[in-house]
Amino acid sequence: MSLSINRLDVNIMKILAQEKCFDELCGMTINEINTFYGEDDLLTTRHNLVMRVRTLVKDGYMEKGIKDHLEFTYFITEKGLTTIKWNGGKGNEQ
């Protein structure tokens, strides 16, 4: 795991994985990611989220998808899935 990855980054990637945002057609906007837990329970400030998403895209953990009106969508890459050890939402099965 990269030393530049923090807990917020992991939460962002887990949200994308849970919502099955695996390609450019099924991404989420910054606003959708930030309000995932509800309007009153924001993940972080919009500015901070934008900066973290830019870093995750630059480092290859996420990619830009298609635009949703004026805003780009984002999806998680294989590198991102591997980093968060995503197993399709299943518990640790033997």
PDB file of N, CA and C in Angstrom:
ATOM      1  N   MET A   1       0.848  -1.176   0.000  1.00  0.00           N
ATOM      2  CA  MET A   1       0.000   0.000   0.000  1.00  0.00           C
ATOM      3  C   MET A   1       0.889   1.233   0.000  1.00  0.00           C
ATOM      4  N   SER A   2       0.475   2.220  -0.745  1.00  0.00           N
ATOM      5  CA  SER A   2       1.243   3.446  -0.856  1.00  0.00           C
ATOM      6  C   SER A   2       1.205   4.229   0.451  1.00  0.00           C
ATOM      7  N   LEU A   3       2.301   4.878   0.778  1.00  0.00           N
ATOM      8  CA  LEU A   3       2.343   5.701   1.981  1.00  0.00           C
ATOM      9  C   LEU A   3       1.493   6.950   1.842  1.00  0.00           C
ATOM     10  N   SER A   4       1.133   7.323   0.613  1.00  0.00           N
ATOM     11  CA  SER A   4       0.322   8.521   0.407  1.00  0.00           C
ATOM     12  C   SER A   4      -1.168   8.252   0.631  1.00  0.00           C
ATOM     13  N   ILE A   5      -1.552   6.990   0.792  1.00  0.00           N
ATOM     14  CA  ILE A   5      -2.951   6.637   1.004  1.00  0.00           C
ATOM     15  C   ILE A   5      -3.312   6.856   2.474  1.00  0.00           C
ATOM     16  N   ASN A   6      -4.427   7.541   2.708  1.00  0.00           N
ATOM     17  CA  ASN A   6      -4.881   7.723   4.080  1.00  0.00           C
ATOM     18  C   ASN A   6      -6.286   7.139   4.246  1.00  0.00           C
ATOM     19  N   ARG A   7      -6.829   7.275   5.424  1.00  0.00           N
ATOM     20  CA  ARG A   7      -8.124   6.672   5.732  1.00  0.00           C
ATOM     21  C   ARG A   7      -9.237   7.239   4.848  1.00  0.00           C
ATOM     22  N   LEU A   8      -9.207   8.539   4.575  1.00  0.00           N
ATOM     23  CA  LEU A   8     -10.201   9.152   3.701  1.00  0.00           C
ATOM     24  C   LEU A   8     -10.142   8.529   2.306  1.00  0.00           C
ATOM     25  N   ASP A   9      -8.927   8.320   1.804  1.00  0.00           N
ATOM     26  CA  ASP A   9      -8.749   7.707   0.487  1.00  0.00           C
ATOM     27  C   ASP A   9      -9.377   6.314   0.455  1.00  0.00           C
ATOM     28  N   VAL A  10      -9.154   5.547   1.495  1.00  0.00           N
ATOM     29  CA  VAL A  10      -9.720   4.196   1.568  1.00  0.00           C
ATOM     30  C   VAL A  10     -11.243   4.267   1.589  1.00  0.00           C
ATOM     31  N   ASN A  11     -11.801   5.209   2.358  1.00  0.00           N
ATOM     32  CA  ASN A  11     -13.258   5.369   2.394  1.00  0.00           C
ATOM     33  C   ASN A  11     -13.815   5.751   1.035  1.00  0.00           C
ATOM     34  N   ILE A  12     -13.143   6.639   0.326  1.00  0.00           N
ATOM     35  CA  ILE A  12     -13.583   7.034  -1.016  1.00  0.00           C
ATOM     36  C   ILE A  12     -13.605   5.810  -1.929  1.00  0.00           C
ATOM     37  N   MET A  13     -12.525   5.035  -1.915  1.00  0.00           N
ATOM     38  CA  MET A  13     -12.447   3.866  -2.795  1.00  0.00           C
ATOM     39  C   MET A  13     -13.463   2.794  -2.393  1.00  0.00           C
ATOM     40  N   LYS A  14     -13.722   2.640  -1.106  1.00  0.00           N
ATOM     41  CA  LYS A  14     -14.720   1.664  -0.664  1.00  0.00           C
ATOM     42  C   LYS A  14     -16.128   2.064  -1.111  1.00  0.00           C
ATOM     43  N   ILE A  15     -16.426   3.349  -1.072  1.00  0.00           N
ATOM     44  CA  ILE A  15     -17.728   3.817  -1.553  1.00  0.00           C
ATOM     45  C   ILE A  15     -17.889   3.465  -3.029  1.00  0.00           C
ATOM     46  N   LEU A  16     -16.872   3.750  -3.830  1.00  0.00           N
ATOM     47  CA  LEU A  16     -16.942   3.441  -5.263  1.00  0.00           C
ATOM     48  C   LEU A  16     -17.091   1.940  -5.490  1.00  0.00           C
ATOM     49  N   ALA A  17     -16.376   1.143  -4.719  1.00  0.00           N
ATOM     50  CA  ALA A  17     -16.471  -0.314  -4.866  1.00  0.00           C
ATOM     51  C   ALA A  17     -17.858  -0.814  -4.453  1.00  0.00           C
ATOM     52  N   GLN A  18     -18.386  -0.315  -3.339  1.00  0.00           N
ATOM     53  CA  GLN A  18     -19.710  -0.735  -2.872  1.00  0.00           C
ATOM     54  C   GLN A  18     -20.798  -0.393  -3.880  1.00  0.00           C
ATOM     55  N   GLU A  19     -20.633   0.733  -4.557  1.00  0.00           N
ATOM     56  CA  GLU A  19     -21.622   1.171  -5.547  1.00  0.00           C
ATOM     57  C   GLU A  19     -21.337   0.613  -6.945  1.00  0.00           C
ATOM     58  N   LYS A  20     -20.374  -0.308  -7.031  1.00  0.00           N
ATOM     59  CA  LYS A  20     -20.004  -0.974  -8.283  1.00  0.00           C
ATOM     60  C   LYS A  20     -19.597   0.017  -9.383  1.00  0.00           C
ATOM     61  N   CYS A  21     -18.811   0.995  -8.998  1.00  0.00           N
ATOM     62  CA  CYS A  21     -18.280   1.992  -9.939  1.00  0.00           C
ATOM     63  C   CYS A  21     -16.953   1.477 -10.485  1.00  0.00           C
ATOM     64  N   PHE A  22     -17.055   0.543 -11.442  1.00  0.00           N
ATOM     65  CA  PHE A  22     -15.875  -0.141 -11.962  1.00  0.00           C
ATOM     66  C   PHE A  22     -15.482   0.299 -13.373  1.00  0.00           C
ATOM     67  N   ASP A  23     -16.271   1.179 -14.003  1.00  0.00           N
ATOM     68  CA  ASP A  23     -15.911   1.658 -15.337  1.00  0.00           C
ATOM     69  C   ASP A  23     -16.439   3.067 -15.551  1.00  0.00           C
ATOM     70  N   GLU A  24     -16.054   3.655 -16.676  1.00  0.00           N
ATOM     71  CA  GLU A  24     -16.372   5.060 -16.936  1.00  0.00           C
ATOM     72  C   GLU A  24     -17.870   5.345 -17.036  1.00  0.00           C
ATOM     73  N   LEU A  25     -18.687   4.339 -17.278  1.00  0.00           N
ATOM     74  CA  LEU A  25     -20.130   4.541 -17.394  1.00  0.00           C
ATOM     75  C   LEU A  25     -20.852   4.459 -16.056  1.00  0.00           C
ATOM     76  N   CYS A  26     -20.219   3.931 -15.050  1.00  0.00           N
ATOM     77  CA  CYS A  26     -20.887   3.693 -13.759  1.00  0.00           C
ATOM     78  C   CYS A  26     -20.217   4.441 -12.612  1.00  0.00           C
ATOM     79  N   GLY A  27     -19.658   5.593 -12.876  1.00  0.00           N
ATOM     80  CA  GLY A  27     -18.955   6.338 -11.841  1.00  0.00           C
ATOM     81  C   GLY A  27     -19.868   7.189 -10.985  1.00  0.00           C
ATOM     82  N   MET A  28     -19.270   7.846 -10.002  1.00  0.00           N
ATOM     83  CA  MET A  28     -19.972   8.767  -9.115  1.00  0.00           C
ATOM     84  C   MET A  28     -19.297  10.125  -9.170  1.00  0.00           C
ATOM     85  N   THR A  29     -20.092  11.183  -9.000  1.00  0.00           N
ATOM     86  CA  THR A  29     -19.542  12.537  -8.950  1.00  0.00           C
ATOM     87  C   THR A  29     -18.968  12.809  -7.557  1.00  0.00           C
ATOM     88  N   ILE A  30     -18.228  13.886  -7.446  1.00  0.00           N
ATOM     89  CA  ILE A  30     -17.684  14.308  -6.155  1.00  0.00           C
ATOM     90  C   ILE A  30     -18.827  14.490  -5.155  1.00  0.00           C
ATOM     91  N   ASN A  31     -19.904  15.144  -5.583  1.00  0.00           N
ATOM     92  CA  ASN A  31     -21.034  15.387  -4.693  1.00  0.00           C
ATOM     93  C   ASN A  31     -21.689  14.080  -4.252  1.00  0.00           C
ATOM     94  N   GLU A  32     -21.838  13.130  -5.160  1.00  0.00           N
ATOM     95  CA  GLU A  32     -22.433  11.837  -4.808  1.00  0.00           C
ATOM     96  C   GLU A  32     -21.567  11.078  -3.809  1.00  0.00           C
ATOM     97  N   ILE A  33     -20.257  11.145  -3.990  1.00  0.00           N
ATOM     98  CA  ILE A  33     -19.344  10.492  -3.043  1.00  0.00           C
ATOM     99  C   ILE A  33     -19.455  11.158  -1.677  1.00  0.00           C
ATOM    100  N   ASN A  34     -19.439  12.485  -1.666  1.00  0.00           N
ATOM    101  CA  ASN A  34     -19.428  13.221  -0.400  1.00  0.00           C
ATOM    102  C   ASN A  34     -20.727  13.052   0.385  1.00  0.00           C
ATOM    103  N   THR A  35     -21.843  12.882  -0.295  1.00  0.00           N
ATOM    104  CA  THR A  35     -23.132  12.758   0.391  1.00  0.00           C
ATOM    105  C   THR A  35     -23.582  11.299   0.492  1.00  0.00           C
ATOM    106  N   PHE A  36     -22.675  10.361   0.276  1.00  0.00           N
ATOM    107  CA  PHE A  36     -23.010   8.938   0.305  1.00  0.00           C
ATOM    108  C   PHE A  36     -23.677   8.534   1.622  1.00  0.00           C
ATOM    109  N   TYR A  37     -23.196   9.090   2.733  1.00  0.00           N
ATOM    110  CA  TYR A  37     -23.737   8.734   4.046  1.00  0.00           C
ATOM    111  C   TYR A  37     -24.887   9.648   4.465  1.00  0.00           C
ATOM    112  N   GLY A  38     -25.308  10.545   3.577  1.00  0.00           N
ATOM    113  CA  GLY A  38     -26.411  11.454   3.863  1.00  0.00           C
ATOM    114  C   GLY A  38     -25.964  12.907   3.832  1.00  0.00           C
ATOM    115  N   GLU A  39     -26.910  13.791   3.544  1.00  0.00           N
ATOM    116  CA  GLU A  39     -26.610  15.226   3.442  1.00  0.00           C
ATOM    117  C   GLU A  39     -26.034  15.801   4.736  1.00  0.00           C
ATOM    118  N   ASP A  40     -26.443  15.243   5.876  1.00  0.00           N
ATOM    119  CA  ASP A  40     -25.991  15.767   7.165  1.00  0.00           C
ATOM    120  C   ASP A  40     -24.740  15.066   7.685  1.00  0.00           C
ATOM    121  N   ASP A  41     -24.238  14.111   6.943  1.00  0.00           N
ATOM    122  CA  ASP A  41     -23.073  13.338   7.377  1.00  0.00           C
ATOM    123  C   ASP A  41     -22.053  13.291   6.240  1.00  0.00           C
ATOM    124  N   LEU A  42     -21.535  14.464   5.879  1.00  0.00           N
ATOM    125  CA  LEU A  42     -20.595  14.559   4.771  1.00  0.00           C
ATOM    126  C   LEU A  42     -19.282  13.863   5.103  1.00  0.00           C
ATOM    127  N   LEU A  43     -18.674  13.297   4.079  1.00  0.00           N
ATOM    128  CA  LEU A  43     -17.393  12.606   4.236  1.00  0.00           C
ATOM    129  C   LEU A  43     -16.300  13.585   4.667  1.00  0.00           C
ATOM    130  N   THR A  44     -16.255  14.744   4.030  1.00  0.00           N
ATOM    131  CA  THR A  44     -15.249  15.775   4.310  1.00  0.00           C
ATOM    132  C   THR A  44     -15.689  17.053   3.602  1.00  0.00           C
ATOM    133  N   THR A  45     -14.850  18.077   3.609  1.00  0.00           N
ATOM    134  CA  THR A  45     -15.184  19.280   2.850  1.00  0.00           C
ATOM    135  C   THR A  45     -15.040  18.982   1.357  1.00  0.00           C
ATOM    136  N   ARG A  46     -15.760  19.700   0.543  1.00  0.00           N
ATOM    137  CA  ARG A  46     -15.693  19.480  -0.906  1.00  0.00           C
ATOM    138  C   ARG A  46     -14.270  19.709  -1.421  1.00  0.00           C
ATOM    139  N   HIS A  47     -13.624  20.769  -0.956  1.00  0.00           N
ATOM    140  CA  HIS A  47     -12.265  21.073  -1.411  1.00  0.00           C
ATOM    141  C   HIS A  47     -11.314  19.929  -1.080  1.00  0.00           C
ATOM    142  N   ASN A  48     -11.379  19.420   0.136  1.00  0.00           N
ATOM    143  CA  ASN A  48     -10.505  18.319   0.538  1.00  0.00           C
ATOM    144  C   ASN A  48     -10.785  17.075  -0.297  1.00  0.00           C
ATOM    145  N   LEU A  49     -12.054  16.804  -0.553  1.00  0.00           N
ATOM    146  CA  LEU A  49     -12.414  15.634  -1.353  1.00  0.00           C
ATOM    147  C   LEU A  49     -11.889  15.767  -2.782  1.00  0.00           C
ATOM    148  N   VAL A  50     -12.032  16.943  -3.365  1.00  0.00           N
ATOM    149  CA  VAL A  50     -11.522  17.173  -4.721  1.00  0.00           C
ATOM    150  C   VAL A  50     -10.012  16.935  -4.773  1.00  0.00           C
ATOM    151  N   MET A  51      -9.291  17.445  -3.785  1.00  0.00           N
ATOM    152  CA  MET A  51      -7.832  17.275  -3.767  1.00  0.00           C
ATOM    153  C   MET A  51      -7.444  15.805  -3.614  1.00  0.00           C
ATOM    154  N   ARG A  52      -8.147  15.061  -2.749  1.00  0.00           N
ATOM    155  CA  ARG A  52      -7.836  13.643  -2.564  1.00  0.00           C
ATOM    156  C   ARG A  52      -8.161  12.843  -3.823  1.00  0.00           C
ATOM    157  N   VAL A  53      -9.303  13.148  -4.467  1.00  0.00           N
ATOM    158  CA  VAL A  53      -9.667  12.437  -5.692  1.00  0.00           C
ATOM    159  C   VAL A  53      -8.645  12.704  -6.785  1.00  0.00           C
ATOM    160  N   ARG A  54      -8.207  13.933  -6.926  1.00  0.00           N
ATOM    161  CA  ARG A  54      -7.170  14.252  -7.928  1.00  0.00           C
ATOM    162  C   ARG A  54      -5.905  13.426  -7.694  1.00  0.00           C
ATOM    163  N   THR A  55      -5.506  13.309  -6.431  1.00  0.00           N
ATOM    164  CA  THR A  55      -4.317  12.518  -6.096  1.00  0.00           C
ATOM    165  C   THR A  55      -4.543  11.043  -6.412  1.00  0.00           C
ATOM    166  N   LEU A  56      -5.720  10.518  -6.078  1.00  0.00           N
ATOM    167  CA  LEU A  56      -6.013   9.112  -6.354  1.00  0.00           C
ATOM    168  C   LEU A  56      -6.033   8.837  -7.855  1.00  0.00           C
ATOM    169  N   VAL A  57      -6.528   9.778  -8.647  1.00  0.00           N
ATOM    170  CA  VAL A  57      -6.519   9.628 -10.110  1.00  0.00           C
ATOM    171  C   VAL A  57      -5.076   9.670 -10.613  1.00  0.00           C
ATOM    172  N   LYS A  58      -4.310  10.643 -10.140  1.00  0.00           N
ATOM    173  CA  LYS A  58      -2.909  10.777 -10.573  1.00  0.00           C
ATOM    174  C   LYS A  58      -2.105   9.518 -10.253  1.00  0.00           C
ATOM    175  N   ASP A  59      -2.388   8.905  -9.095  1.00  0.00           N
ATOM    176  CA  ASP A  59      -1.647   7.713  -8.662  1.00  0.00           C
ATOM    177  C   ASP A  59      -2.221   6.411  -9.224  1.00  0.00           C
ATOM    178  N   GLY A  60      -3.323   6.487  -9.987  1.00  0.00           N
ATOM    179  CA  GLY A  60      -3.857   5.304 -10.664  1.00  0.00           C
ATOM    180  C   GLY A  60      -4.853   4.471  -9.873  1.00  0.00           C
ATOM    181  N   TYR A  61      -5.299   4.954  -8.722  1.00  0.00           N
ATOM    182  CA  TYR A  61      -6.268   4.208  -7.920  1.00  0.00           C
ATOM    183  C   TYR A  61      -7.705   4.420  -8.414  1.00  0.00           C
ATOM    184  N   MET A  62      -7.923   5.547  -9.083  1.00  0.00           N
ATOM    185  CA  MET A  62      -9.224   5.890  -9.657  1.00  0.00           C
ATOM    186  C   MET A  62      -8.988   6.498 -11.030  1.00  0.00           C
ATOM    187  N   GLU A  63     -10.065   6.556 -11.826  1.00  0.00           N
ATOM    188  CA  GLU A  63     -10.005   7.227 -13.119  1.00  0.00           C
ATOM    189  C   GLU A  63     -11.248   8.075 -13.309  1.00  0.00           C
ATOM    190  N   LYS A  64     -11.112   9.065 -14.192  1.00  0.00           N
ATOM    191  CA  LYS A  64     -12.265   9.883 -14.559  1.00  0.00           C
ATOM    192  C   LYS A  64     -13.176   9.083 -15.466  1.00  0.00           C
ATOM    193  N   GLY A  65     -14.469   9.253 -15.238  1.00  0.00           N
ATOM    194  CA  GLY A  65     -15.457   8.640 -16.113  1.00  0.00           C
ATOM    195  C   GLY A  65     -16.087   9.708 -17.004  1.00  0.00           C
ATOM    196  N   ILE A  66     -17.317   9.459 -17.411  1.00  0.00           N
ATOM    197  CA  ILE A  66     -18.021  10.417 -18.247  1.00  0.00           C
ATOM    198  C   ILE A  66     -18.553  11.560 -17.388  1.00  0.00           C
ATOM    199  N   LYS A  67     -18.945  12.642 -18.047  1.00  0.00           N
ATOM    200  CA  LYS A  67     -19.505  13.775 -17.324  1.00  0.00           C
ATOM    201  C   LYS A  67     -20.965  13.518 -16.989  1.00  0.00           C
ATOM    202  N   ASP A  68     -21.365  13.976 -15.818  1.00  0.00           N
ATOM    203  CA  ASP A  68     -22.764  13.978 -15.406  1.00  0.00           C
ATOM    204  C   ASP A  68     -23.160  15.448 -15.353  1.00  0.00           C
ATOM    205  N   HIS A  69     -23.730  15.927 -16.427  1.00  0.00           N
ATOM    206  CA  HIS A  69     -24.052  17.342 -16.630  1.00  0.00           C
ATOM    207  C   HIS A  69     -22.753  18.144 -16.660  1.00  0.00           C
ATOM    208  N   LEU A  70     -22.389  18.840 -15.586  1.00  0.00           N
ATOM    209  CA  LEU A  70     -21.182  19.668 -15.596  1.00  0.00           C
ATOM    210  C   LEU A  70     -20.012  19.041 -14.841  1.00  0.00           C
ATOM    211  N   GLU A  71     -20.272  17.967 -14.142  1.00  0.00           N
ATOM    212  CA  GLU A  71     -19.264  17.379 -13.250  1.00  0.00           C
ATOM    213  C   GLU A  71     -18.812  16.014 -13.767  1.00  0.00           C
ATOM    214  N   PHE A  72     -17.515  15.745 -13.654  1.00  0.00           N
ATOM    215  CA  PHE A  72     -17.001  14.432 -14.033  1.00  0.00           C
ATOM    216  C   PHE A  72     -17.418  13.386 -13.004  1.00  0.00           C
ATOM    217  N   THR A  73     -17.511  12.158 -13.462  1.00  0.00           N
ATOM    218  CA  THR A  73     -17.699  11.032 -12.555  1.00  0.00           C
ATOM    219  C   THR A  73     -16.349  10.350 -12.397  1.00  0.00           C
ATOM    220  N   TYR A  74     -16.237   9.510 -11.377  1.00  0.00           N
ATOM    221  CA  TYR A  74     -14.995   8.807 -11.090  1.00  0.00           C
ATOM    222  C   TYR A  74     -15.305   7.357 -10.764  1.00  0.00           C
ATOM    223  N   PHE A  75     -14.388   6.471 -11.110  1.00  0.00           N
ATOM    224  CA  PHE A  75     -14.550   5.056 -10.801  1.00  0.00           C
ATOM    225  C   PHE A  75     -13.232   4.494 -10.295  1.00  0.00           C
ATOM    226  N   ILE A  76     -13.321   3.375  -9.589  1.00  0.00           N
ATOM    227  CA  ILE A  76     -12.145   2.745  -8.999  1.00  0.00           C
ATOM    228  C   ILE A  76     -11.494   1.807 -10.021  1.00  0.00           C
ATOM    229  N   THR A  77     -10.178   1.755 -10.012  1.00  0.00           N
ATOM    230  CA  THR A  77      -9.424   0.896 -10.932  1.00  0.00           C
ATOM    231  C   THR A  77      -9.069  -0.419 -10.231  1.00  0.00           C
ATOM    232  N   GLU A  78      -8.489  -1.326 -11.002  1.00  0.00           N
ATOM    233  CA  GLU A  78      -8.010  -2.592 -10.411  1.00  0.00           C
ATOM    234  C   GLU A  78      -6.972  -2.323  -9.322  1.00  0.00           C
ATOM    235  N   LYS A  79      -6.109  -1.338  -9.555  1.00  0.00           N
ATOM    236  CA  LYS A  79      -5.102  -0.985  -8.544  1.00  0.00           C
ATOM    237  C   LYS A  79      -5.785  -0.542  -7.253  1.00  0.00           C
ATOM    238  N   GLY A  80      -6.853   0.250  -7.383  1.00  0.00           N
ATOM    239  CA  GLY A  80      -7.600   0.688  -6.212  1.00  0.00           C
ATOM    240  C   GLY A  80      -8.270  -0.469  -5.499  1.00  0.00           C
ATOM    241  N   LEU A  81      -8.880  -1.374  -6.267  1.00  0.00           N
ATOM    242  CA  LEU A  81      -9.542  -2.537  -5.678  1.00  0.00           C
ATOM    243  C   LEU A  81      -8.537  -3.414  -4.936  1.00  0.00           C
ATOM    244  N   THR A  82      -7.375  -3.608  -5.531  1.00  0.00           N
ATOM    245  CA  THR A  82      -6.334  -4.401  -4.891  1.00  0.00           C
ATOM    246  C   THR A  82      -5.854  -3.731  -3.604  1.00  0.00           C
ATOM    247  N   THR A  83      -5.729  -2.421  -3.644  1.00  0.00           N
ATOM    248  CA  THR A  83      -5.251  -1.672  -2.481  1.00  0.00           C
ATOM    249  C   THR A  83      -6.191  -1.811  -1.295  1.00  0.00           C
ATOM    250  N   ILE A  84      -7.498  -1.765  -1.543  1.00  0.00           N
ATOM    251  CA  ILE A  84      -8.447  -1.895  -0.430  1.00  0.00           C
ATOM    252  C   ILE A  84      -8.832  -3.349  -0.184  1.00  0.00           C
ATOM    253  N   LYS A  85      -8.190  -4.251  -0.954  1.00  0.00           N
ATOM    254  CA  LYS A  85      -8.430  -5.693  -0.808  1.00  0.00           C
ATOM    255  C   LYS A  85      -9.906  -6.040  -0.944  1.00  0.00           C
ATOM    256  N   TRP A  86     -10.541  -5.442  -1.966  1.00  0.00           N
ATOM    257  CA  TRP A  86     -11.977  -5.619  -2.203  1.00  0.00           C
ATOM    258  C   TRP A  86     -12.262  -7.029  -2.683  1.00  0.00           C
ATOM    259  N   ASN A  87     -13.223  -7.678  -2.043  1.00  0.00           N
ATOM    260  CA  ASN A  87     -13.595  -9.041  -2.436  1.00  0.00           C
ATOM    261  C   ASN A  87     -15.079  -9.113  -2.819  1.00  0.00           C
ATOM    262  N   GLY A  88     -15.568  -8.030  -3.400  1.00  0.00           N
ATOM    263  CA  GLY A  88     -16.958  -8.010  -3.831  1.00  0.00           C
ATOM    264  C   GLY A  88     -17.941  -7.784  -2.705  1.00  0.00           C
ATOM    265  N   GLY A  89     -17.472  -7.290  -1.566  1.00  0.00           N
ATOM    266  CA  GLY A  89     -18.348  -7.014  -0.447  1.00  0.00           C
ATOM    267  C   GLY A  89     -18.601  -8.209   0.452  1.00  0.00           C
ATOM    268  N   LYS A  90     -17.953  -9.336   0.159  1.00  0.00           N
ATOM    269  CA  LYS A  90     -18.130 -10.535   0.988  1.00  0.00           C
ATOM    270  C   LYS A  90     -17.248 -10.443   2.227  1.00  0.00           C
ATOM    271  N   GLY A  91     -17.667 -11.108   3.272  1.00  0.00           N
ATOM    272  CA  GLY A  91     -16.849 -11.201   4.485  1.00  0.00           C
ATOM    273  C   GLY A  91     -15.647 -12.094   4.222  1.00  0.00           C
ATOM    274  N   ASN A  92     -14.797 -12.216   5.172  1.00  0.00           N
ATOM    275  CA  ASN A  92     -13.633 -13.100   5.029  1.00  0.00           C
ATOM    276  C   ASN A  92     -14.097 -14.554   5.103  1.00  0.00           C
ATOM    277  N   GLU A  93     -14.216 -15.151   3.940  1.00  0.00           N
ATOM    278  CA  GLU A  93     -14.670 -16.551   3.871  1.00  0.00           C
ATOM    279  C   GLU A  93     -13.473 -17.462   3.711  1.00  0.00           C
ATOM    280  N   GLN A  94     -13.613 -18.658   4.202  1.00  0.00           N
ATOM    281  CA  GLN A  94     -12.535 -19.630   4.096  1.00  0.00           C
ATOM    282  C   GLN A  94     -12.764 -20.556   2.954  1.00  0.00           C
TER     283      GLN A  94
END
